[in-house]
N, C-alpha and C. Protein backbone atom coordinates (compact mmCIF):
# COMPACT_ATOMS: atom_id res chain seq x y z
N MET A 1 5.99 -17.36 -30.67
CA MET A 1 6.76 -16.20 -31.45
C MET A 1 7.77 -15.64 -30.71
N ASP A 2 7.15 -15.12 -29.33
CA ASP A 2 8.20 -14.40 -28.50
C ASP A 2 8.79 -15.28 -27.56
N SER A 3 8.80 -16.71 -27.66
CA SER A 3 9.49 -17.62 -26.83
C SER A 3 10.88 -17.74 -26.86
N ASP A 4 11.44 -17.15 -28.08
CA ASP A 4 12.88 -17.35 -28.36
C ASP A 4 13.78 -16.35 -27.63
N LYS A 5 13.14 -15.26 -27.09
CA LYS A 5 13.67 -14.32 -26.39
C LYS A 5 14.20 -14.72 -25.01
N PRO A 6 15.62 -14.56 -24.61
CA PRO A 6 15.80 -14.88 -23.26
C PRO A 6 15.06 -13.96 -22.31
N ARG A 7 14.68 -14.53 -21.05
CA ARG A 7 14.13 -13.85 -20.16
C ARG A 7 14.85 -13.89 -18.95
N ALA A 8 14.93 -12.77 -18.40
CA ALA A 8 15.80 -12.59 -17.09
C ALA A 8 14.80 -12.73 -15.84
N SER A 9 15.09 -13.82 -15.11
CA SER A 9 14.26 -13.86 -13.73
C SER A 9 14.93 -13.07 -12.82
N TYR A 10 14.08 -12.46 -12.02
CA TYR A 10 14.46 -11.71 -10.87
C TYR A 10 13.74 -12.19 -9.69
N GLN A 11 14.50 -12.12 -8.58
CA GLN A 11 14.00 -12.52 -7.18
C GLN A 11 13.50 -11.34 -6.52
N THR A 12 12.43 -11.26 -6.19
CA THR A 12 11.61 -9.99 -5.41
C THR A 12 12.26 -10.16 -4.13
N SER A 13 12.69 -9.00 -3.67
CA SER A 13 13.41 -8.83 -2.41
C SER A 13 12.40 -8.90 -1.18
N THR A 14 13.13 -9.33 -0.22
CA THR A 14 12.15 -9.35 1.24
C THR A 14 11.76 -7.87 1.45
N TRP A 15 12.72 -6.83 1.19
CA TRP A 15 12.33 -5.62 1.55
C TRP A 15 11.04 -5.08 0.77
N VAL A 16 10.87 -5.43 -0.43
CA VAL A 16 9.75 -5.03 -1.21
C VAL A 16 8.61 -5.75 -0.73
N THR A 17 8.62 -6.94 -0.56
CA THR A 17 7.40 -7.86 0.16
C THR A 17 6.93 -7.32 1.43
N ARG A 18 7.84 -6.92 2.17
CA ARG A 18 7.52 -6.40 3.54
C ARG A 18 6.84 -5.13 3.38
N GLN A 19 7.36 -4.23 2.40
CA GLN A 19 6.87 -2.93 2.31
C GLN A 19 5.41 -3.21 1.67
N LEU A 20 5.31 -4.02 0.81
CA LEU A 20 3.66 -4.31 0.13
C LEU A 20 2.72 -4.74 1.17
N THR A 21 3.41 -5.69 2.06
CA THR A 21 2.39 -6.19 3.00
C THR A 21 2.10 -5.19 4.20
N LEU A 22 3.13 -4.30 4.44
CA LEU A 22 2.65 -3.28 5.19
C LEU A 22 1.88 -2.06 4.66
N ALA A 23 2.09 -1.94 3.36
CA ALA A 23 0.98 -0.99 2.75
C ALA A 23 -0.32 -1.55 2.70
N VAL A 24 -0.47 -3.00 2.49
CA VAL A 24 -1.76 -3.38 2.42
C VAL A 24 -2.46 -3.40 3.75
N ASN A 25 -1.71 -3.63 4.88
CA ASN A 25 -2.08 -3.72 6.16
C ASN A 25 -2.56 -2.30 6.62
N CYS A 26 -1.90 -1.33 6.33
CA CYS A 26 -2.08 0.13 6.64
C CYS A 26 -3.61 0.56 5.84
N ALA A 27 -3.67 0.17 4.69
CA ALA A 27 -4.77 0.42 4.05
C ALA A 27 -6.00 -0.20 4.35
N ILE A 28 -5.93 -1.43 4.88
CA ILE A 28 -7.16 -2.18 5.40
C ILE A 28 -7.45 -1.53 6.74
N VAL A 29 -6.39 -1.09 7.63
CA VAL A 29 -6.90 -0.41 9.00
C VAL A 29 -7.54 0.95 8.57
N GLY A 30 -6.89 1.56 7.76
CA GLY A 30 -7.35 2.92 7.33
C GLY A 30 -8.88 3.04 6.81
N LEU A 31 -9.07 2.08 5.86
CA LEU A 31 -10.51 1.78 5.43
C LEU A 31 -11.33 1.52 6.48
N ALA A 32 -10.74 0.56 7.31
CA ALA A 32 -11.84 0.09 8.37
C ALA A 32 -12.17 1.44 9.32
N CYS A 33 -11.33 2.25 9.62
CA CYS A 33 -11.52 3.36 10.33
C CYS A 33 -12.51 4.43 9.60
N ILE A 34 -12.26 4.64 8.36
CA ILE A 34 -13.05 5.51 7.71
C ILE A 34 -14.49 4.71 7.56
N LEU A 35 -14.64 3.48 7.49
CA LEU A 35 -15.86 2.77 7.28
C LEU A 35 -16.65 2.79 8.51
N LEU A 36 -15.88 2.86 9.67
CA LEU A 36 -16.59 2.86 11.00
C LEU A 36 -17.20 4.44 11.21
N PHE A 37 -16.41 5.30 10.71
CA PHE A 37 -16.77 6.67 10.65
C PHE A 37 -18.15 6.97 9.86
N LEU A 38 -18.25 6.23 8.67
CA LEU A 38 -19.43 6.23 7.99
C LEU A 38 -20.41 5.53 8.51
N TRP A 39 -20.35 4.37 9.05
CA TRP A 39 -21.19 3.63 9.50
C TRP A 39 -21.95 4.20 10.79
N HIS A 40 -21.35 4.92 11.51
CA HIS A 40 -21.90 5.65 12.68
C HIS A 40 -22.50 7.00 12.32
N GLU A 41 -22.69 7.20 11.15
CA GLU A 41 -23.29 8.49 10.66
C GLU A 41 -22.58 9.72 11.15
N PHE A 42 -21.41 9.82 10.81
CA PHE A 42 -20.49 10.84 11.27
C PHE A 42 -20.61 11.31 12.57
N GLY A 43 -20.61 10.30 13.56
CA GLY A 43 -20.63 10.67 15.06
C GLY A 43 -19.41 11.41 15.44
N ALA A 44 -19.72 11.98 16.61
CA ALA A 44 -18.70 12.93 17.14
C ALA A 44 -17.35 12.11 17.40
N TRP A 45 -17.63 11.09 18.09
CA TRP A 45 -16.38 10.18 18.54
C TRP A 45 -15.68 9.36 17.35
N THR A 46 -16.43 9.41 16.15
CA THR A 46 -15.61 8.69 15.03
C THR A 46 -15.00 9.55 14.24
N ILE A 47 -15.32 11.03 14.35
CA ILE A 47 -14.60 11.86 13.45
C ILE A 47 -13.00 11.85 13.60
N GLY A 48 -12.68 11.72 14.83
CA GLY A 48 -11.21 11.72 15.13
C GLY A 48 -10.60 10.36 14.60
N LEU A 49 -11.26 9.24 14.91
CA LEU A 49 -11.03 8.03 14.38
C LEU A 49 -10.88 7.92 12.62
N GLY A 50 -11.86 8.45 12.21
CA GLY A 50 -12.02 8.34 10.63
C GLY A 50 -10.93 9.30 9.99
N THR A 51 -11.14 10.52 10.42
CA THR A 51 -10.42 11.71 9.82
C THR A 51 -8.91 11.61 10.09
N PHE A 52 -8.60 11.53 11.37
CA PHE A 52 -7.20 11.64 11.93
C PHE A 52 -6.34 10.52 11.93
N VAL A 53 -6.95 9.38 12.05
CA VAL A 53 -6.35 8.09 11.88
C VAL A 53 -6.45 7.57 10.49
N GLY A 54 -7.65 7.32 9.93
CA GLY A 54 -7.88 6.65 8.79
C GLY A 54 -7.32 7.23 7.43
N ILE A 55 -7.47 8.36 7.39
CA ILE A 55 -6.89 9.28 6.26
C ILE A 55 -5.57 9.24 6.11
N PRO A 56 -4.76 9.53 7.27
CA PRO A 56 -3.25 9.38 7.24
C PRO A 56 -2.71 7.95 6.75
N LEU A 57 -3.42 7.02 7.56
CA LEU A 57 -3.12 5.75 7.15
C LEU A 57 -3.11 5.25 5.68
N LEU A 58 -4.20 5.72 5.06
CA LEU A 58 -4.37 5.57 3.64
C LEU A 58 -3.08 6.33 2.93
N GLY A 59 -2.61 7.42 3.29
CA GLY A 59 -1.72 8.20 2.64
C GLY A 59 -0.35 7.47 2.85
N VAL A 60 -0.15 6.84 4.09
CA VAL A 60 1.09 6.12 4.38
C VAL A 60 1.08 4.94 3.44
N ALA A 61 -0.17 4.14 3.31
CA ALA A 61 -0.36 3.10 2.47
C ALA A 61 0.23 3.29 1.00
N VAL A 62 -0.30 4.43 0.47
CA VAL A 62 -0.02 4.82 -0.82
C VAL A 62 1.42 5.13 -1.02
N LEU A 63 2.03 5.94 0.05
CA LEU A 63 3.44 6.05 -0.10
C LEU A 63 4.40 4.82 0.02
N LEU A 64 3.96 3.98 0.71
CA LEU A 64 4.68 2.59 0.99
C LEU A 64 4.61 1.84 -0.36
N TYR A 65 3.46 1.94 -0.97
CA TYR A 65 3.23 1.20 -2.35
C TYR A 65 4.12 1.82 -3.34
N ILE A 66 4.08 3.12 -3.41
CA ILE A 66 4.96 3.77 -4.65
C ILE A 66 6.46 3.53 -4.15
N GLY A 67 6.81 3.57 -2.96
CA GLY A 67 8.16 3.17 -2.67
C GLY A 67 8.67 1.78 -2.88
N ALA A 68 7.69 0.82 -2.94
CA ALA A 68 7.89 -0.51 -3.10
C ALA A 68 8.05 -0.80 -4.72
N VAL A 69 7.23 0.07 -5.33
CA VAL A 69 7.14 -0.20 -7.10
C VAL A 69 8.27 0.46 -7.36
N ILE A 70 8.85 1.60 -6.94
CA ILE A 70 10.00 2.27 -7.41
C ILE A 70 11.20 1.33 -7.18
N THR A 71 11.34 0.67 -5.86
CA THR A 71 12.37 -0.06 -5.69
C THR A 71 12.60 -1.25 -6.32
N ASP A 72 11.33 -1.83 -6.67
CA ASP A 72 11.31 -3.08 -7.41
C ASP A 72 11.50 -2.75 -9.03
N LEU A 73 11.22 -1.64 -9.48
CA LEU A 73 11.70 -1.14 -10.88
C LEU A 73 12.95 -0.97 -10.98
N LYS A 74 13.85 -0.31 -9.86
CA LYS A 74 15.12 -0.10 -9.82
C LYS A 74 15.88 -1.52 -9.98
N THR A 75 15.30 -2.42 -9.07
CA THR A 75 16.07 -3.68 -9.12
C THR A 75 16.04 -4.35 -10.49
N ARG A 76 14.89 -4.18 -11.13
CA ARG A 76 14.79 -4.91 -12.47
C ARG A 76 15.42 -3.92 -13.57
N ASN A 77 16.19 -2.93 -13.21
CA ASN A 77 16.77 -2.01 -14.16
C ASN A 77 15.68 -1.40 -15.16
N ALA A 78 14.52 -1.13 -14.69
CA ALA A 78 13.40 -0.62 -15.60
C ALA A 78 13.50 0.88 -15.42
N LEU A 79 14.15 1.35 -14.42
CA LEU A 79 14.02 2.94 -14.06
C LEU A 79 15.51 3.41 -14.32
């Protein structure tokens, strides 16, 4: 039914791909830091690692992801 509509093909830019890759890597490292904090039952030495490293890395990951999505939507003229 909808196959008669022309579809525009867009190439994903390398900037968006790198940004998404960096966001995923930051999220994995941040979650690993928080998981280490939880596994060691809130130990004194893991508070700094989980709270001061893990949570900001998750925040950076979210911001990178949002930036990549906005950039990709602007490229495709959706915003």
